[in-house]
Amino acid sequence: MAQTQGLVQRLKLTDTLILAWAYIGPTPSNTELLIVRSATGQPPDEAAFRGALAEALSAALASRQQVIASHDNNSAEITLLQVLAT
């Protein structure tokens, strides 16, 4: 399991198969692109979890709080998100 830590530098939210595109890193020119996929065909609790991930990224961007995004080593899909206290 890999982790990417930093500020949410840019964020694009959509209502398509990818709910969120998040550029996370220490500076705007040093980021990693990670995504939150839609839960199409998944149970309602999975859809709610993925929506909450997108909302947490948005809140972290607005408040300039650092995050730790967990994802598989060979994947850009966020599976867990921690928002760090300031």
C-alpha atoms as a PDB file:
ATOM      1  CA  MET A   1       0.000   0.000   0.000  1.00  0.00           C
ATOM      2  CA  ALA A   2       1.443   3.357  -1.034  1.00  0.00           C
ATOM      3  CA  GLN A   3       0.687   6.733   0.501  1.00  0.00           C
ATOM      4  CA  THR A   4       0.872  10.215  -0.952  1.00  0.00           C
ATOM      5  CA  GLN A   5       1.047  13.113   1.493  1.00  0.00           C
ATOM      6  CA  GLY A   6       0.685  16.820   0.880  1.00  0.00           C
ATOM      7  CA  LEU A   7      -1.780  19.553   0.124  1.00  0.00           C
ATOM      8  CA  VAL A   8      -4.572  19.144  -2.390  1.00  0.00           C
ATOM      9  CA  GLN A   9      -3.137  21.539  -4.969  1.00  0.00           C
ATOM     10  CA  ARG A  10      -5.882  21.109  -7.582  1.00  0.00           C
ATOM     11  CA  LEU A  11      -9.155  19.215  -7.639  1.00  0.00           C
ATOM     12  CA  LYS A  12     -11.695  18.458 -10.332  1.00  0.00           C
ATOM     13  CA  LEU A  13     -15.044  16.984  -9.269  1.00  0.00           C
ATOM     14  CA  THR A  14     -17.347  15.352 -11.820  1.00  0.00           C
ATOM     15  CA  ASP A  15     -20.412  13.127 -11.936  1.00  0.00           C
ATOM     16  CA  THR A  16     -18.876  10.621 -14.345  1.00  0.00           C
ATOM     17  CA  LEU A  17     -17.003   7.339 -13.815  1.00  0.00           C
ATOM     18  CA  ILE A  18     -14.274   9.290 -12.034  1.00  0.00           C
ATOM     19  CA  LEU A  19     -15.737  11.412  -9.231  1.00  0.00           C
ATOM     20  CA  ALA A  20     -12.564  13.322  -8.406  1.00  0.00           C
ATOM     21  CA  TRP A  21      -9.168  14.078  -9.924  1.00  0.00           C
ATOM     22  CA  ALA A  22      -6.851  15.259  -7.144  1.00  0.00           C
ATOM     23  CA  TYR A  23      -3.360  16.646  -7.553  1.00  0.00           C
ATOM     24  CA  ILE A  24      -1.686  16.099  -4.176  1.00  0.00           C
ATOM     25  CA  GLY A  25       1.791  17.221  -3.198  1.00  0.00           C
ATOM     26  CA  PRO A  26       3.944  19.748  -1.380  1.00  0.00           C
ATOM     27  CA  THR A  27       3.841  22.411  -4.112  1.00  0.00           C
ATOM     28  CA  PRO A  28       1.728  23.112  -7.211  1.00  0.00           C
ATOM     29  CA  SER A  29       4.613  21.998  -9.435  1.00  0.00           C
ATOM     30  CA  ASN A  30       5.337  18.803  -7.454  1.00  0.00           C
ATOM     31  CA  THR A  31       2.171  16.706  -7.293  1.00  0.00           C
ATOM     32  CA  GLU A  32       0.852  13.231  -7.920  1.00  0.00           C
ATOM     33  CA  LEU A  33      -2.461  12.731  -9.727  1.00  0.00           C
ATOM     34  CA  LEU A  34      -4.836  10.469  -7.818  1.00  0.00           C
ATOM     35  CA  ILE A  35      -8.476   9.674  -8.489  1.00  0.00           C
ATOM     36  CA  VAL A  36     -11.701   8.646  -6.778  1.00  0.00           C
ATOM     37  CA  ARG A  37     -13.734   6.313  -8.965  1.00  0.00           C
ATOM     38  CA  SER A  38     -17.504   6.187  -9.059  1.00  0.00           C
ATOM     39  CA  ALA A  39     -19.177   3.220  -7.381  1.00  0.00           C
ATOM     40  CA  THR A  40     -21.261   2.332 -10.435  1.00  0.00           C
ATOM     41  CA  GLY A  41     -23.023  -0.962  -9.745  1.00  0.00           C
ATOM     42  CA  GLN A  42     -21.803  -1.061  -6.143  1.00  0.00           C
ATOM     43  CA  PRO A  43     -23.913  -1.099  -2.960  1.00  0.00           C
ATOM     44  CA  PRO A  44     -25.174   2.262  -1.624  1.00  0.00           C
ATOM     45  CA  ASP A  45     -22.663   2.264   1.246  1.00  0.00           C
ATOM     46  CA  GLU A  46     -19.768   2.035  -1.230  1.00  0.00           C
ATOM     47  CA  ALA A  47     -21.216   4.924  -3.256  1.00  0.00           C
ATOM     48  CA  ALA A  48     -21.549   6.987  -0.068  1.00  0.00           C
ATOM     49  CA  PHE A  49     -17.950   6.189   0.938  1.00  0.00           C
ATOM     50  CA  ARG A  50     -16.579   7.291  -2.427  1.00  0.00           C
ATOM     51  CA  GLY A  51     -18.687  10.451  -2.351  1.00  0.00           C
ATOM     52  CA  ALA A  52     -17.330  11.183   1.121  1.00  0.00           C
ATOM     53  CA  LEU A  53     -13.766  10.793  -0.187  1.00  0.00           C
ATOM     54  CA  ALA A  54     -14.464  13.411  -2.870  1.00  0.00           C
ATOM     55  CA  GLU A  55     -16.064  15.761  -0.314  1.00  0.00           C
ATOM     56  CA  ALA A  56     -13.120  15.363   2.073  1.00  0.00           C
ATOM     57  CA  LEU A  57     -10.686  16.252  -0.717  1.00  0.00           C
ATOM     58  CA  SER A  58     -12.736  19.357  -1.472  1.00  0.00           C
ATOM     59  CA  ALA A  59     -12.796  20.394   2.194  1.00  0.00           C
ATOM     60  CA  ALA A  60      -9.030  19.845   2.503  1.00  0.00           C
ATOM     61  CA  LEU A  61      -8.438  22.018  -0.562  1.00  0.00           C
ATOM     62  CA  ALA A  62     -10.629  24.821   0.774  1.00  0.00           C
ATOM     63  CA  SER A  63      -9.052  24.766   4.249  1.00  0.00           C
ATOM     64  CA  ARG A  64      -5.465  24.128   3.029  1.00  0.00           C
ATOM     65  CA  GLN A  65      -5.111  21.034   5.225  1.00  0.00           C
ATOM     66  CA  GLN A  66      -2.624  18.326   4.375  1.00  0.00           C
ATOM     67  CA  VAL A  67      -3.889  14.879   3.489  1.00  0.00           C
ATOM     68  CA  ILE A  68      -2.494  11.379   3.340  1.00  0.00           C
ATOM     69  CA  ALA A  69      -4.054   9.451   0.460  1.00  0.00           C
ATOM     70  CA  SER A  70      -3.620   5.678   0.495  1.00  0.00           C
ATOM     71  CA  HIS A  71      -3.644   3.754  -2.793  1.00  0.00           C
ATOM     72  CA  ASP A  72      -2.279   0.505  -4.163  1.00  0.00           C
ATOM     73  CA  ASN A  73       1.356   0.590  -5.287  1.00  0.00           C
ATOM     74  CA  ASN A  74       0.464   0.408  -8.978  1.00  0.00           C
ATOM     75  CA  SER A  75      -2.776   2.372  -8.876  1.00  0.00           C
ATOM     76  CA  ALA A  76      -3.850   5.999  -8.700  1.00  0.00           C
ATOM     77  CA  GLU A  77      -7.205   5.156  -7.094  1.00  0.00           C
ATOM     78  CA  ILE A  78      -7.576   6.513  -3.566  1.00  0.00           C
ATOM     79  CA  THR A  79      -8.771   3.823  -1.163  1.00  0.00           C
ATOM     80  CA  LEU A  80      -8.411   5.745   2.118  1.00  0.00           C
ATOM     81  CA  LEU A  81      -7.945   9.409   2.965  1.00  0.00           C
ATOM     82  CA  GLN A  82      -6.693  11.013   6.169  1.00  0.00           C
ATOM     83  CA  VAL A  83      -7.047  14.774   6.639  1.00  0.00           C
ATOM     84  CA  LEU A  84      -4.365  16.019   9.010  1.00  0.00           C
ATOM     85  CA  ALA A  85      -5.155  18.489  11.769  1.00  0.00           C
ATOM     86  CA  THR A  86      -3.540  21.886  11.464  1.00  0.00           C
END
